[in-house]
């Protein structure tokens, strides 16, 4: 609309000027003089919002007054709209309150054929009754708190009430373009010489779902589950069933070589007096997550983001996972498909430590100092590259320890099988010498923030669509892409709503 300007027409701005004058009279009058600052703030906000609403309404009325009837208007179906009627109005809730937009309706004269409103397209009005600004506020709030609380926050900020069912539809619509937007994002790509290592991580976190939103295997398990006793859960039973949300991360890493002694010092070895300078840090993090997509699809998205960040494969790529066999398989498949030959993939060392601690309770009382020393000794051996030796030692100890119960023996062998199975992914000496990370701290933190902090609200049971929408909005916010995404979403929403752009150009000419 370059070069198009509105001049005051008629009396459209009279109510706005009256409201501004009333604000000035109130502020200078005795009523305001008797209020404290908190009351002044509240009243000034209410009056100011109403004045702004009247200004917006006046502008819309002025646009209506200047709208000229055009010839040759067609609809999205290509059919001509030969009749035109002024005064067709629609209500719209905005961040400033409710307004009414009146415009010319172009009609075909045939029953069932929708009208065309050129001013709607020119203003890019949404298909529903809530403005883009109002939808954006709700979407941002819902990403941080429950939908009911988000509706309350929007009401306090705008004075517009939105029901929770309406809000759920708005939030789903707000996240509708997240997938297409993400395909073009990977985060900043600094000079490879600054941070020559590109780290790819993946992990999963369960979300409590409604029965009809479980994955097939989980749904079958839920249907087959029979309570062991009436009235309460037995040990090991759960009252809800979850669907796994997969999360992935890509970030840059500047190598800082370390030794096993730096990670797990044994008795007699000197401990560093302070954190050494140049401690490794993750940089330029990019996150992705989904509860609707499969593990393979999320990991493919992680590799896609890495490929966009380093299209020439000039940097060193490494992978970190928690040991899940599906994650490992998909990392290998994606590396092969994208030509990342010999991608080093490591099991998170903290995850390995958890298995060692579980095994320790087979041989020692819980909280025993001897158990801690046993774990540290085996941790150090694994970091030194002797995971196979540790597995054999635990197996021998389980076999030779007198009086070991069957359950404790089984628990110890569980750790043995884990170490033996994951041995190809435990090359900790190589990772430490190269200065690469050995734990999945970035993705663990992302799972807590993206998924647990918002999705694990007490009593919440999610549908797949609802959980996916919230999760995508949180991912976009966490990546710092909200403004770019919302602009993209508005463009896509306009294209979906208004198919016949020729009319809009004709109106603007």
Protein backbone atom coordinates (compact mmCIF):
# COMPACT_ATOMS: atom_id res chain seq x y z
CA UNK A 1 0.00 0.00 0.00
CA UNK A 2 2.95 2.35 -0.62
CA UNK A 3 1.81 5.93 -1.15
CA UNK A 4 -1.69 5.26 0.20
CA UNK A 5 -2.65 7.56 3.09
CA UNK A 6 -5.86 8.23 4.91
CA UNK A 7 -7.24 11.68 5.56
CA UNK A 8 -9.87 12.23 8.25
CA UNK A 9 -13.27 11.68 6.68
CA UNK A 10 -16.51 12.60 8.35
CA UNK A 11 -16.73 12.12 12.06
CA UNK A 12 -14.95 8.79 12.47
CA UNK A 13 -12.39 10.12 14.97
CA UNK A 14 -14.80 12.13 17.09
CA UNK A 15 -15.25 9.40 19.72
CA UNK A 16 -11.51 8.96 20.00
CA UNK A 17 -10.94 12.68 20.54
CA UNK A 18 -13.71 12.70 23.13
CA UNK A 19 -12.07 9.81 24.99
CA UNK A 20 -8.67 11.55 25.00
CA UNK A 21 -10.25 14.72 26.34
CA UNK A 22 -12.00 12.67 29.01
CA UNK A 23 -8.69 11.09 30.04
CA UNK A 24 -7.10 14.50 30.41
CA UNK A 25 -10.05 15.81 32.43
CA UNK A 26 -9.98 12.77 34.71
CA UNK A 27 -6.21 12.99 35.28
CA UNK A 28 -6.46 16.68 36.18
CA UNK A 29 -9.65 16.32 38.24
CA UNK A 30 -10.48 15.56 41.87
CA UNK A 31 -11.25 11.85 41.29
CA UNK A 32 -7.68 11.05 40.25
CA UNK A 33 -6.26 13.33 42.95
CA UNK A 34 -7.66 11.02 45.64
CA UNK A 35 -6.09 7.81 44.29
CA UNK A 36 -2.79 6.18 45.17
CA UNK A 37 -0.31 5.15 42.46
CA UNK A 38 -1.61 1.57 42.11
CA UNK A 39 -5.17 2.77 41.53
CA UNK A 40 -3.93 5.44 39.12
CA UNK A 41 -2.08 2.81 37.12
CA UNK A 42 -5.13 0.57 36.84
CA UNK A 43 -7.51 3.36 35.85
CA UNK A 44 -5.06 4.93 33.38
CA UNK A 45 -4.53 1.53 31.76
CA UNK A 46 -8.27 0.91 31.36
CA UNK A 47 -8.95 4.39 29.99
CA UNK A 48 -5.90 4.28 27.75
CA UNK A 49 -6.85 0.92 26.29
CA UNK A 50 -10.35 2.16 25.53
CA UNK A 51 -8.96 5.26 23.83
CA UNK A 52 -6.67 3.09 21.70
CA UNK A 53 -9.58 0.82 20.83
CA UNK A 54 -11.58 3.85 19.68
CA UNK A 55 -8.60 5.00 17.61
CA UNK A 56 -8.39 1.59 15.93
CA UNK A 57 -12.15 1.56 15.32
CA UNK A 58 -11.99 5.07 13.88
CA UNK A 59 -9.25 4.05 11.48
CA UNK A 60 -11.25 1.03 10.33
CA UNK A 61 -14.32 3.19 9.86
CA UNK A 62 -12.28 5.64 7.78
CA UNK A 63 -11.02 2.79 5.62
CA UNK A 64 -14.63 1.71 5.15
CA UNK A 65 -15.65 5.22 4.11
CA UNK A 66 -12.93 5.31 1.45
CA UNK A 67 -13.47 1.83 0.05
CA UNK A 68 -14.45 2.14 -3.60
CA UNK A 69 -16.48 -0.38 -5.49
CA UNK A 70 -14.47 -2.21 -8.10
CA UNK A 71 -15.50 -4.00 -11.27
CA UNK A 72 -14.44 -7.46 -12.37
CA UNK A 73 -14.11 -8.95 -8.91
CA UNK A 74 -13.84 -12.73 -8.85
CA UNK A 75 -13.78 -15.26 -6.04
CA UNK A 76 -11.36 -18.08 -5.25
CA UNK A 77 -13.50 -20.28 -7.47
CA UNK A 78 -12.83 -17.99 -10.45
CA UNK A 79 -16.49 -16.99 -10.74
CA UNK A 80 -17.39 -13.31 -11.12
CA UNK A 81 -19.02 -11.44 -8.26
CA UNK A 82 -21.31 -9.02 -10.10
CA UNK A 83 -23.22 -7.49 -7.18
CA UNK A 84 -21.83 -5.27 -4.43
CA UNK A 85 -23.42 -4.34 -1.10
CA UNK A 86 -22.00 -1.90 1.43
CA UNK A 87 -22.23 -2.21 5.19
CA UNK A 88 -21.51 -5.91 5.64
CA UNK A 89 -19.83 -6.08 9.03
CA UNK A 90 -17.90 -8.57 11.11
CA UNK A 91 -16.78 -8.39 14.74
CA UNK A 92 -13.13 -8.78 15.65
CA UNK A 93 -11.48 -9.15 19.05
CA UNK A 94 -8.10 -7.39 19.18
CA UNK A 95 -5.45 -6.66 21.79
CA UNK A 96 -7.19 -3.34 22.37
CA UNK A 97 -10.71 -4.76 22.67
CA UNK A 98 -13.58 -5.54 20.31
CA UNK A 99 -14.02 -3.65 17.05
CA UNK A 100 -16.30 -4.00 14.05
CA UNK A 101 -15.09 -4.00 10.45
CA UNK A 102 -17.61 -2.87 7.80
CA UNK A 103 -16.87 -3.41 4.14
CA UNK A 104 -18.29 -4.00 0.69
CA UNK A 105 -19.48 -7.55 0.04
CA UNK A 106 -19.16 -8.71 -3.57
CA UNK A 107 -21.82 -11.31 -4.33
CA UNK A 108 -22.54 -13.68 -7.18
CA UNK A 109 -26.31 -13.78 -6.71
CA UNK A 110 -26.30 -17.58 -6.50
CA UNK A 111 -27.19 -19.41 -3.33
CA UNK A 112 -24.33 -21.09 -1.47
CA UNK A 113 -21.59 -19.12 -3.23
CA UNK A 114 -19.51 -17.23 -0.61
CA UNK A 115 -19.15 -13.47 -0.75
CA UNK A 116 -15.83 -11.78 -1.44
CA UNK A 117 -14.64 -8.96 0.86
CA UNK A 118 -11.67 -7.14 -0.63
CA UNK A 119 -11.06 -5.06 2.49
CA UNK A 120 -10.65 -8.26 4.52
CA UNK A 121 -7.83 -9.31 2.22
CA UNK A 122 -6.29 -5.85 2.24
CA UNK A 123 -6.28 -5.83 6.06
CA UNK A 124 -5.28 -9.52 6.13
CA UNK A 125 -8.04 -10.24 8.62
CA UNK A 126 -7.93 -13.71 10.20
CA UNK A 127 -10.55 -16.32 9.33
CA UNK A 128 -11.85 -16.32 12.91
CA UNK A 129 -12.92 -13.55 15.25
CA UNK A 130 -9.60 -13.12 17.06
CA UNK A 131 -6.90 -10.82 15.67
CA UNK A 132 -3.37 -11.97 14.93
CA UNK A 133 -2.00 -9.91 17.80
CA UNK A 134 -4.41 -11.51 20.25
CA UNK A 135 -3.59 -15.00 18.96
CA UNK A 136 0.13 -14.29 19.30
CA UNK A 137 -0.25 -13.22 22.92
CA UNK A 138 -2.25 -16.31 23.74
CA UNK A 139 0.21 -18.63 21.97
CA UNK A 140 3.18 -17.14 23.80
CA UNK A 141 1.42 -17.39 27.16
CA UNK A 142 0.21 -20.95 26.56
CA UNK A 143 3.78 -22.04 25.86
CA UNK A 144 4.69 -21.06 29.42
CA UNK A 145 1.60 -21.94 31.47
CA UNK A 146 -1.65 -23.88 31.39
CA UNK A 147 -4.20 -22.85 28.79
CA UNK A 148 -6.60 -21.67 31.48
CA UNK A 149 -3.88 -19.51 33.04
CA UNK A 150 -2.91 -18.19 29.59
CA UNK A 151 -6.50 -17.12 28.95
CA UNK A 152 -6.49 -15.32 32.28
CA UNK A 153 -3.27 -13.50 31.43
CA UNK A 154 -4.62 -12.41 28.05
CA UNK A 155 -7.76 -11.08 29.73
CA UNK A 156 -5.71 -9.07 32.22
CA UNK A 157 -3.61 -7.59 29.41
CA UNK A 158 -6.35 -6.92 26.85
CA UNK A 159 -9.74 -7.17 28.52
CA UNK A 160 -10.78 -9.86 26.00
CA UNK A 161 -12.11 -13.17 27.34
CA UNK A 162 -11.23 -16.35 25.47
CA UNK A 163 -12.68 -19.71 26.44
CA UNK A 164 -10.31 -22.62 26.95
CA UNK A 165 -11.84 -24.60 24.07
CA UNK A 166 -11.47 -21.62 21.74
CA UNK A 167 -7.95 -21.11 23.06
CA UNK A 168 -7.03 -24.72 22.25
CA UNK A 169 -8.07 -24.19 18.63
CA UNK A 170 -6.14 -20.92 18.43
CA UNK A 171 -2.98 -22.57 19.81
CA UNK A 172 -3.17 -25.42 17.33
CA UNK A 173 -3.59 -22.93 14.50
CA UNK A 174 -0.68 -20.85 15.82
CA UNK A 175 1.64 -23.87 15.60
CA UNK A 176 0.38 -25.00 12.19
CA UNK A 177 3.42 -23.73 10.28
CA UNK A 178 6.10 -24.80 12.77
CA UNK A 179 7.22 -27.81 10.72
CA UNK A 180 7.62 -25.88 7.46
CA UNK A 181 9.42 -23.08 9.29
CA UNK A 182 11.81 -25.49 11.03
CA UNK A 183 12.92 -27.01 7.73
CA UNK A 184 14.74 -23.77 6.98
CA UNK A 185 16.32 -23.27 10.41
CA UNK A 186 19.51 -24.57 11.98
CA UNK A 187 20.74 -21.74 14.15
CA UNK A 188 23.75 -19.52 13.50
CA UNK A 189 26.70 -20.96 11.62
CA UNK A 190 29.90 -19.25 12.76
CA UNK A 191 33.29 -19.73 11.15
CA UNK A 192 34.22 -23.39 11.47
CA UNK A 193 37.63 -22.33 12.72
CA UNK A 194 36.06 -20.82 15.83
CA UNK A 195 34.20 -23.97 16.91
CA UNK A 196 35.29 -26.80 14.63
CA UNK A 197 33.13 -29.53 16.23
CA UNK A 198 29.42 -30.00 15.54
CA UNK A 199 27.61 -32.05 18.20
CA UNK A 200 24.33 -33.88 17.57
CA UNK A 201 22.29 -35.18 20.52
CA UNK A 202 18.94 -36.90 21.01
CA UNK A 203 16.85 -38.03 23.96
CA UNK A 204 13.25 -38.81 24.87
CA UNK A 205 10.82 -37.85 27.61
CA UNK A 206 7.39 -39.31 28.34
CA UNK A 207 4.20 -37.24 28.32
CA UNK A 208 1.02 -38.38 30.05
CA UNK A 209 -1.54 -38.85 27.32
CA UNK A 210 -5.23 -39.50 26.92
CA UNK A 211 -6.00 -43.15 26.16
CA UNK A 212 -6.85 -42.38 22.52
CA UNK A 213 -3.52 -40.60 21.97
CA UNK A 214 -1.11 -43.37 22.92
CA UNK A 215 1.11 -45.02 20.34
CA UNK A 216 -0.15 -48.50 19.32
CA UNK A 217 2.24 -50.48 21.56
CA UNK A 218 1.49 -48.32 24.59
CA UNK A 219 -2.24 -48.49 23.89
CA UNK A 220 -2.09 -52.29 23.80
CA UNK A 221 -0.16 -52.37 27.07
CA UNK A 222 -2.65 -50.01 28.68
CA UNK A 223 -5.59 -52.14 27.53
CA UNK A 224 -3.97 -55.31 28.83
CA UNK A 225 -3.01 -53.85 32.22
CA UNK A 226 -5.04 -55.27 35.09
CA UNK A 227 -4.74 -53.71 38.59
CA UNK A 228 -3.20 -56.12 41.06
CA UNK A 229 -5.36 -54.93 43.90
CA UNK A 230 -8.46 -52.80 44.35
CA UNK A 231 -8.28 -49.30 45.78
CA UNK A 232 -4.60 -48.50 45.29
CA UNK A 233 -1.60 -49.17 43.10
CA UNK A 234 0.86 -51.92 43.91
CA UNK A 235 4.61 -51.38 43.79
CA UNK A 236 5.74 -50.87 40.20
CA UNK A 237 2.27 -50.09 38.86
CA UNK A 238 1.43 -46.77 37.22
CA UNK A 239 -1.92 -45.05 36.94
CA UNK A 240 -1.19 -43.28 33.66
CA UNK A 241 0.41 -44.21 30.37
CA UNK A 242 2.82 -42.05 28.46
CA UNK A 243 3.80 -41.31 24.90
CA UNK A 244 7.46 -40.56 24.30
CA UNK A 245 8.38 -37.16 22.96
CA UNK A 246 11.72 -37.17 21.17
CA UNK A 247 14.02 -34.16 21.38
CA UNK A 248 17.18 -33.35 19.48
CA UNK A 249 19.91 -30.73 19.64
CA UNK A 250 22.67 -29.41 17.41
CA UNK A 251 25.38 -27.18 18.82
CA UNK A 252 28.93 -26.00 18.26
CA UNK A 253 31.82 -27.12 20.44
CA UNK A 254 35.34 -25.88 20.89
CA UNK A 255 37.50 -28.85 21.93
CA UNK A 256 39.31 -28.81 25.27
CA UNK A 257 41.25 -32.06 25.81
CA UNK A 258 40.83 -33.74 29.19
CA UNK A 259 41.88 -36.95 30.92
CA UNK A 260 39.94 -39.56 32.84
CA UNK A 261 41.51 -38.18 36.04
CA UNK A 262 39.96 -34.79 35.29
CA UNK A 263 36.52 -36.43 35.29
CA UNK A 264 36.82 -39.10 37.99
CA UNK A 265 39.90 -38.64 40.22
CA UNK A 266 40.75 -41.63 42.40
CA UNK A 267 42.04 -41.41 46.01
CA UNK A 268 45.53 -39.98 46.06
CA UNK A 269 45.13 -38.06 42.82
CA UNK A 270 45.14 -34.28 43.14
CA UNK A 271 41.84 -32.54 42.70
CA UNK A 272 41.92 -29.26 40.80
CA UNK A 273 41.73 -26.34 43.20
CA UNK A 274 39.30 -24.52 40.92
CA UNK A 275 37.45 -24.94 37.67
CA UNK A 276 40.08 -24.73 34.93
CA UNK A 277 40.01 -21.88 32.47
CA UNK A 278 38.60 -22.72 29.08
CA UNK A 279 36.04 -25.23 30.39
CA UNK A 280 34.12 -26.56 27.36
CA UNK A 281 30.77 -24.93 26.65
CA UNK A 282 28.06 -25.56 24.10
CA UNK A 283 27.51 -22.70 21.66
CA UNK A 284 24.80 -21.72 19.18
CA UNK A 285 22.32 -24.36 20.35
CA UNK A 286 19.45 -25.35 18.09
CA UNK A 287 16.65 -27.56 19.45
CA UNK A 288 13.90 -29.63 17.92
CA UNK A 289 11.28 -31.88 19.51
CA UNK A 290 8.07 -33.70 18.68
CA UNK A 291 5.55 -36.01 20.32
CA UNK A 292 3.72 -36.69 17.04
CA UNK A 293 6.76 -37.64 14.94
CA UNK A 294 8.76 -40.84 15.34
CA UNK A 295 12.26 -41.08 16.79
CA UNK A 296 13.64 -41.52 13.28
CA UNK A 297 11.90 -38.39 11.99
CA UNK A 298 13.23 -36.24 14.84
CA UNK A 299 16.78 -37.53 14.41
CA UNK A 300 16.47 -36.89 10.67
CA UNK A 301 15.53 -33.31 11.54
CA UNK A 302 18.64 -33.07 13.76
CA UNK A 303 20.85 -34.22 10.91
CA UNK A 304 19.04 -31.87 8.54
CA UNK A 305 19.79 -28.91 10.82
CA UNK A 306 23.42 -30.00 11.06
CA UNK A 307 23.64 -30.29 7.26
CA UNK A 308 22.31 -26.76 6.83
CA UNK A 309 24.83 -25.48 9.33
CA UNK A 310 27.75 -27.33 7.73
CA UNK A 311 26.74 -28.15 4.13
CA UNK A 312 30.29 -28.80 3.01
CA UNK A 313 31.05 -31.27 5.83
CA UNK A 314 34.08 -29.19 6.74
CA UNK A 315 33.68 -29.69 10.46
CA UNK A 316 33.96 -32.69 12.76
CA UNK A 317 30.55 -34.22 13.53
CA UNK A 318 29.98 -36.32 16.64
CA UNK A 319 26.88 -37.90 18.16
CA UNK A 320 25.78 -38.34 21.79
CA UNK A 321 22.84 -40.45 22.95
CA UNK A 322 21.67 -42.11 26.16
CA UNK A 323 22.01 -45.66 24.85
CA UNK A 324 18.53 -46.20 23.41
CA UNK A 325 18.92 -48.80 20.67
CA UNK A 326 16.48 -47.01 18.32
CA UNK A 327 18.40 -43.76 18.66
CA UNK A 328 21.68 -45.54 17.92
CA UNK A 329 20.21 -47.23 14.84
CA UNK A 330 18.79 -43.97 13.50
CA UNK A 331 22.07 -42.11 14.10
CA UNK A 332 23.91 -44.72 12.06
CA UNK A 333 21.27 -44.71 9.31
CA UNK A 334 21.22 -40.93 9.00
CA UNK A 335 25.01 -40.70 8.99
CA UNK A 336 25.18 -43.25 6.17
CA UNK A 337 22.40 -41.56 4.19
CA UNK A 338 24.03 -38.13 4.44
CA UNK A 339 27.58 -39.22 3.74
CA UNK A 340 28.96 -38.60 7.22
CA UNK A 341 31.41 -41.46 7.12
CA UNK A 342 32.57 -42.89 10.42
CA UNK A 343 30.42 -40.64 12.61
CA UNK A 344 31.69 -41.14 16.19
CA UNK A 345 28.71 -41.86 18.47
CA UNK A 346 29.11 -42.06 22.26
CA UNK A 347 26.87 -43.20 25.11
CA UNK A 348 26.25 -40.50 27.70
CA UNK A 349 28.69 -41.22 30.55
CA UNK A 350 26.13 -40.14 33.17
CA UNK A 351 23.78 -42.80 31.83
CA UNK A 352 26.51 -45.43 32.20
CA UNK A 353 27.13 -44.24 35.75
CA UNK A 354 23.46 -44.83 36.55
CA UNK A 355 23.78 -48.47 35.54
CA UNK A 356 26.88 -48.86 37.70
CA UNK A 357 25.06 -47.44 40.71
CA UNK A 358 22.18 -49.83 40.15
CA UNK A 359 24.64 -52.73 40.11
CA UNK A 360 26.31 -51.50 43.30
CA UNK A 361 23.11 -52.07 45.28
CA UNK A 362 23.43 -55.77 44.47
CA UNK A 363 26.66 -55.97 46.47
CA UNK A 364 26.44 -53.22 49.09
CA UNK A 365 23.80 -51.68 51.35
CA UNK A 366 22.35 -48.48 49.95
CA UNK A 367 24.26 -45.33 50.96
CA UNK A 368 27.27 -47.47 51.85
CA UNK A 369 30.63 -45.61 51.46
CA UNK A 370 32.05 -48.81 50.00
CA UNK A 371 29.44 -48.66 47.21
CA UNK A 372 30.60 -45.17 46.26
CA UNK A 373 34.23 -46.26 46.04
CA UNK A 374 33.22 -49.32 43.99
CA UNK A 375 31.31 -47.16 41.52
CA UNK A 376 34.11 -44.61 41.17
CA UNK A 377 36.70 -47.31 40.52
CA UNK A 378 34.59 -48.80 37.73
CA UNK A 379 33.75 -45.35 36.32
CA UNK A 380 37.43 -44.58 36.05
CA UNK A 381 38.15 -47.89 34.36
CA UNK A 382 35.42 -47.24 31.78
CA UNK A 383 36.79 -43.75 31.07
CA UNK A 384 40.22 -45.34 30.60
CA UNK A 385 38.71 -47.60 27.92
CA UNK A 386 38.16 -50.80 29.91
CA UNK A 387 34.35 -51.15 29.79
CA UNK A 388 34.66 -54.80 28.74
CA UNK A 389 36.90 -55.56 31.72
CA UNK A 390 34.42 -53.86 34.05
CA UNK A 391 31.57 -55.97 32.64
CA UNK A 392 33.58 -59.16 33.23
CA UNK A 393 34.48 -58.09 36.79
CA UNK A 394 30.84 -57.39 37.71
CA UNK A 395 29.78 -60.72 36.20
CA UNK A 396 32.42 -62.57 38.23
CA UNK A 397 31.42 -60.74 41.40
CA UNK A 398 27.76 -61.62 40.88
CA UNK A 399 28.70 -65.27 40.35
CA UNK A 400 31.04 -65.57 43.35
CA UNK A 401 29.35 -63.38 45.98
CA UNK A 402 27.88 -65.75 48.58
CA UNK A 403 24.23 -65.39 49.52
CA UNK A 404 23.37 -63.11 46.61
CA UNK A 405 19.61 -63.24 46.02
CA UNK A 406 18.19 -64.03 42.61
CA UNK A 407 16.84 -60.50 42.20
CA UNK A 408 20.19 -58.90 43.05
CA UNK A 409 22.02 -61.31 40.76
CA UNK A 410 19.61 -60.38 37.95
CA UNK A 411 20.11 -56.68 38.63
CA UNK A 412 23.90 -56.98 38.42
CA UNK A 413 23.73 -58.95 35.17
CA UNK A 414 21.48 -56.24 33.72
CA UNK A 415 24.41 -53.81 34.00
CA UNK A 416 26.77 -56.43 32.56
CA UNK A 417 24.56 -56.91 29.49
CA UNK A 418 24.28 -53.15 29.04
CA UNK A 419 28.06 -52.65 29.09
CA UNK A 420 28.67 -55.56 26.73
CA UNK A 421 25.98 -54.43 24.29
CA UNK A 422 27.03 -50.78 24.22
CA UNK A 423 30.77 -51.44 24.15
CA UNK A 424 31.18 -50.10 20.57
CA UNK A 425 29.80 -46.74 21.77
CA UNK A 426 32.06 -46.28 24.80
CA UNK A 427 35.28 -44.94 23.28
CA UNK A 428 35.73 -42.40 26.07
CA UNK A 429 39.54 -42.16 25.72
CA UNK A 430 39.14 -40.93 22.13
CA UNK A 431 36.50 -38.36 23.07
CA UNK A 432 38.47 -37.05 26.06
CA UNK A 433 41.73 -36.81 24.12
CA UNK A 434 39.97 -34.96 21.29
CA UNK A 435 38.30 -32.57 23.74
CA UNK A 436 34.77 -33.65 22.85
CA UNK A 437 31.83 -33.81 25.28
CA UNK A 438 31.00 -37.14 26.95
CA UNK A 439 27.59 -36.36 28.45
CA UNK A 440 24.27 -35.27 26.99
CA UNK A 441 23.78 -32.30 29.28
CA UNK A 442 22.39 -30.07 26.52
CA UNK A 443 19.59 -32.41 25.47
CA UNK A 444 18.87 -33.49 29.06
CA UNK A 445 18.34 -29.85 29.97
CA UNK A 446 16.25 -29.34 26.84
CA UNK A 447 13.99 -32.28 27.74
CA UNK A 448 13.42 -30.86 31.19
CA UNK A 449 12.68 -27.36 29.90
CA UNK A 450 10.80 -28.14 26.69
CA UNK A 451 8.81 -31.12 27.91
CA UNK A 452 8.75 -31.74 31.66
CA UNK A 453 8.40 -28.14 32.91
CA UNK A 454 5.31 -27.49 30.78
CA UNK A 455 3.81 -30.85 29.88
CA UNK A 456 4.07 -32.49 33.29
CA UNK A 457 1.55 -30.21 35.02
CA UNK A 458 -0.29 -32.11 37.75
CA UNK A 459 -3.41 -33.76 36.39
CA UNK A 460 -2.69 -32.90 32.75
CA UNK A 461 -3.58 -35.53 30.14
CA UNK A 462 -2.72 -34.55 26.61
CA UNK A 463 -4.04 -35.24 23.15
CA UNK A 464 -1.38 -35.71 20.50
CA UNK A 465 -2.38 -32.56 18.59
CA UNK A 466 -2.53 -30.41 21.73
CA UNK A 467 0.81 -31.61 23.08
CA UNK A 468 2.49 -31.21 19.70
CA UNK A 469 1.25 -27.64 19.30
CA UNK A 470 2.51 -26.57 22.74
CA UNK A 471 5.80 -28.36 22.23
CA UNK A 472 6.42 -26.68 18.86
CA UNK A 473 5.68 -23.24 20.31
CA UNK A 474 8.15 -23.89 23.13
CA UNK A 475 10.81 -25.06 20.68
CA UNK A 476 10.43 -21.92 18.58
CA UNK A 477 10.68 -19.72 21.66
CA UNK A 478 13.69 -21.62 23.05
CA UNK A 479 15.54 -21.20 19.74
CA UNK A 480 14.92 -17.44 19.80
CA UNK A 481 12.97 -17.61 16.52
CA UNK A 482 9.58 -16.35 17.65
CA UNK A 483 9.45 -13.08 15.70
CA UNK A 484 10.69 -14.74 12.51
CA UNK A 485 8.25 -17.60 12.94
CA UNK A 486 5.25 -15.40 13.57
CA UNK A 487 5.96 -13.34 10.45
CA UNK A 488 6.25 -16.58 8.46
CA UNK A 489 3.05 -17.93 10.01
CA UNK A 490 1.17 -14.75 9.09
CA UNK A 491 2.32 -15.04 5.48
CA UNK A 492 1.18 -18.66 5.28
CA UNK A 493 -2.11 -17.86 7.01
CA UNK A 494 -2.79 -15.09 4.49
CA UNK A 495 -2.16 -17.44 1.57
CA UNK A 496 -4.48 -20.05 3.02
CA UNK A 497 -7.25 -17.56 3.74
CA UNK A 498 -7.10 -15.45 0.56
CA UNK A 499 -6.56 -17.42 -2.60
CA UNK A 500 -7.33 -14.71 -5.17
CA UNK A 501 -4.53 -12.16 -4.67
CA UNK A 502 -5.36 -10.30 -7.87
CA UNK A 503 -8.29 -8.64 -6.09
CA UNK A 504 -6.08 -7.28 -3.34
CA UNK A 505 -3.58 -5.83 -5.80
CA UNK A 506 -6.41 -4.24 -7.74
CA UNK A 507 -7.77 -2.64 -4.56
CA UNK A 508 -4.35 -1.28 -3.60
CA UNK A 509 -3.67 0.22 -7.03
